[in-house]
């Protein structure tokens, strides 16, 4: 007759085996829309227009603020990387 200890450890072993596959997938993080569609970063060109400075109907106080400085490519990549963490 087998001891009760071996039966009690069976669910624990099964749970650990099941979770081992989950941890490797979770370490990569969730896929965004482009990744799910099979698109690479190079297939999504950045916009060339200056959206923030070309907005119509700005109030007087908004116009007085001045022109928004353009982001460098390095800053854009850092911003995108930080947004992907949410």
C-alpha atoms as a PDB file:
ATOM      1  CA  UNK A   1       0.000   0.000   0.000  1.00  0.00           C
ATOM      2  CA  UNK A   2       1.315   3.465  -0.914  1.00  0.00           C
ATOM      3  CA  UNK A   3       1.692   6.151   1.696  1.00  0.00           C
ATOM      4  CA  UNK A   4      -0.664   9.123   1.691  1.00  0.00           C
ATOM      5  CA  UNK A   5       2.307  11.510   1.234  1.00  0.00           C
ATOM      6  CA  UNK A   6       2.843  10.475  -2.384  1.00  0.00           C
ATOM      7  CA  UNK A   7      -0.821  11.184  -3.228  1.00  0.00           C
ATOM      8  CA  UNK A   8      -0.691  14.597  -1.586  1.00  0.00           C
ATOM      9  CA  UNK A   9       2.339  15.689  -3.612  1.00  0.00           C
ATOM     10  CA  UNK A  10       0.841  14.703  -6.982  1.00  0.00           C
ATOM     11  CA  UNK A  11      -1.252  17.907  -7.392  1.00  0.00           C
ATOM     12  CA  UNK A  12       1.749  20.007  -6.423  1.00  0.00           C
ATOM     13  CA  UNK A  13       3.949  18.346  -9.032  1.00  0.00           C
ATOM     14  CA  UNK A  14       1.228  18.688 -11.688  1.00  0.00           C
ATOM     15  CA  UNK A  15       0.798  22.379 -10.854  1.00  0.00           C
ATOM     16  CA  UNK A  16       4.515  23.079 -11.060  1.00  0.00           C
ATOM     17  CA  UNK A  17       4.762  21.343 -14.418  1.00  0.00           C
ATOM     18  CA  UNK A  18       1.805  23.317 -15.767  1.00  0.00           C
ATOM     19  CA  UNK A  19       3.214  26.649 -14.555  1.00  0.00           C
ATOM     20  CA  UNK A  20       6.680  26.061 -15.995  1.00  0.00           C
ATOM     21  CA  UNK A  21       5.376  26.667 -19.536  1.00  0.00           C
ATOM     22  CA  UNK A  22       3.443  29.762 -18.490  1.00  0.00           C
ATOM     23  CA  UNK A  23       6.428  31.540 -16.933  1.00  0.00           C
ATOM     24  CA  UNK A  24       8.454  31.547 -20.156  1.00  0.00           C
ATOM     25  CA  UNK A  25       5.561  33.040 -22.140  1.00  0.00           C
ATOM     26  CA  UNK A  26       4.860  35.648 -19.458  1.00  0.00           C
ATOM     27  CA  UNK A  27       8.516  36.746 -19.426  1.00  0.00           C
ATOM     28  CA  UNK A  28       8.196  37.899 -23.053  1.00  0.00           C
ATOM     29  CA  UNK A  29       5.163  40.034 -22.263  1.00  0.00           C
ATOM     30  CA  UNK A  30       1.927  40.374 -24.196  1.00  0.00           C
ATOM     31  CA  UNK A  31       1.959  40.911 -27.947  1.00  0.00           C
ATOM     32  CA  UNK A  32       0.759  44.263 -29.225  1.00  0.00           C
ATOM     33  CA  UNK A  33      -1.476  44.675 -32.289  1.00  0.00           C
ATOM     34  CA  UNK A  34       1.407  44.946 -34.754  1.00  0.00           C
ATOM     35  CA  UNK A  35       3.134  41.847 -33.394  1.00  0.00           C
ATOM     36  CA  UNK A  36      -0.110  39.861 -33.558  1.00  0.00           C
ATOM     37  CA  UNK A  37      -0.496  40.937 -37.188  1.00  0.00           C
ATOM     38  CA  UNK A  38       3.104  39.932 -37.966  1.00  0.00           C
ATOM     39  CA  UNK A  39       4.259  43.516 -38.649  1.00  0.00           C
ATOM     40  CA  UNK A  40       7.776  44.633 -37.817  1.00  0.00           C
ATOM     41  CA  UNK A  41       8.763  48.038 -36.456  1.00  0.00           C
ATOM     42  CA  UNK A  42      10.321  48.962 -39.809  1.00  0.00           C
ATOM     43  CA  UNK A  43       6.995  48.365 -41.605  1.00  0.00           C
ATOM     44  CA  UNK A  44       5.353  51.118 -39.526  1.00  0.00           C
ATOM     45  CA  UNK A  45       6.978  54.422 -40.540  1.00  0.00           C
ATOM     46  CA  UNK A  46       6.771  57.389 -38.216  1.00  0.00           C
ATOM     47  CA  UNK A  47       4.595  60.329 -39.175  1.00  0.00           C
ATOM     48  CA  UNK A  48       6.475  63.224 -40.725  1.00  0.00           C
ATOM     49  CA  UNK A  49       3.874  65.885 -39.891  1.00  0.00           C
ATOM     50  CA  UNK A  50       4.214  68.119 -36.853  1.00  0.00           C
ATOM     51  CA  UNK A  51       0.858  67.284 -35.264  1.00  0.00           C
ATOM     52  CA  UNK A  52       1.288  69.151 -32.009  1.00  0.00           C
ATOM     53  CA  UNK A  53       2.223  72.507 -33.503  1.00  0.00           C
ATOM     54  CA  UNK A  54      -0.331  72.423 -36.318  1.00  0.00           C
ATOM     55  CA  UNK A  55      -3.462  72.209 -34.156  1.00  0.00           C
ATOM     56  CA  UNK A  56      -6.212  74.652 -35.113  1.00  0.00           C
ATOM     57  CA  UNK A  57      -8.353  76.653 -32.710  1.00  0.00           C
ATOM     58  CA  UNK A  58      -5.742  77.183 -30.016  1.00  0.00           C
ATOM     59  CA  UNK A  59      -6.652  79.614 -27.278  1.00  0.00           C
ATOM     60  CA  UNK A  60      -4.643  82.787 -26.654  1.00  0.00           C
ATOM     61  CA  UNK A  61      -2.869  81.257 -23.656  1.00  0.00           C
ATOM     62  CA  UNK A  62      -2.023  78.147 -25.671  1.00  0.00           C
ATOM     63  CA  UNK A  63      -0.561  80.235 -28.501  1.00  0.00           C
ATOM     64  CA  UNK A  64       1.447  82.263 -25.973  1.00  0.00           C
ATOM     65  CA  UNK A  65       3.125  79.078 -24.748  1.00  0.00           C
ATOM     66  CA  UNK A  66       5.070  78.874 -27.984  1.00  0.00           C
ATOM     67  CA  UNK A  67       6.092  76.098 -30.283  1.00  0.00           C
ATOM     68  CA  UNK A  68       6.424  72.620 -28.841  1.00  0.00           C
ATOM     69  CA  UNK A  69       9.989  71.328 -29.290  1.00  0.00           C
ATOM     70  CA  UNK A  70      10.336  68.361 -31.637  1.00  0.00           C
ATOM     71  CA  UNK A  71      11.233  65.005 -30.101  1.00  0.00           C
ATOM     72  CA  UNK A  72      14.480  63.369 -31.150  1.00  0.00           C
ATOM     73  CA  UNK A  73      14.255  59.816 -32.500  1.00  0.00           C
ATOM     74  CA  UNK A  74      16.010  58.584 -29.350  1.00  0.00           C
ATOM     75  CA  UNK A  75      13.329  60.248 -27.194  1.00  0.00           C
ATOM     76  CA  UNK A  76      10.535  58.777 -29.341  1.00  0.00           C
ATOM     77  CA  UNK A  77      11.932  55.256 -28.915  1.00  0.00           C
ATOM     78  CA  UNK A  78      12.249  55.771 -25.156  1.00  0.00           C
ATOM     79  CA  UNK A  79       8.653  57.020 -24.970  1.00  0.00           C
ATOM     80  CA  UNK A  80       7.363  54.045 -26.965  1.00  0.00           C
ATOM     81  CA  UNK A  81       9.336  51.631 -24.774  1.00  0.00           C
ATOM     82  CA  UNK A  82       7.889  53.180 -21.615  1.00  0.00           C
ATOM     83  CA  UNK A  83       4.336  53.060 -23.009  1.00  0.00           C
ATOM     84  CA  UNK A  84       4.729  49.347 -23.752  1.00  0.00           C
ATOM     85  CA  UNK A  85       5.206  48.703 -20.039  1.00  0.00           C
ATOM     86  CA  UNK A  86       1.610  49.708 -19.234  1.00  0.00           C
END
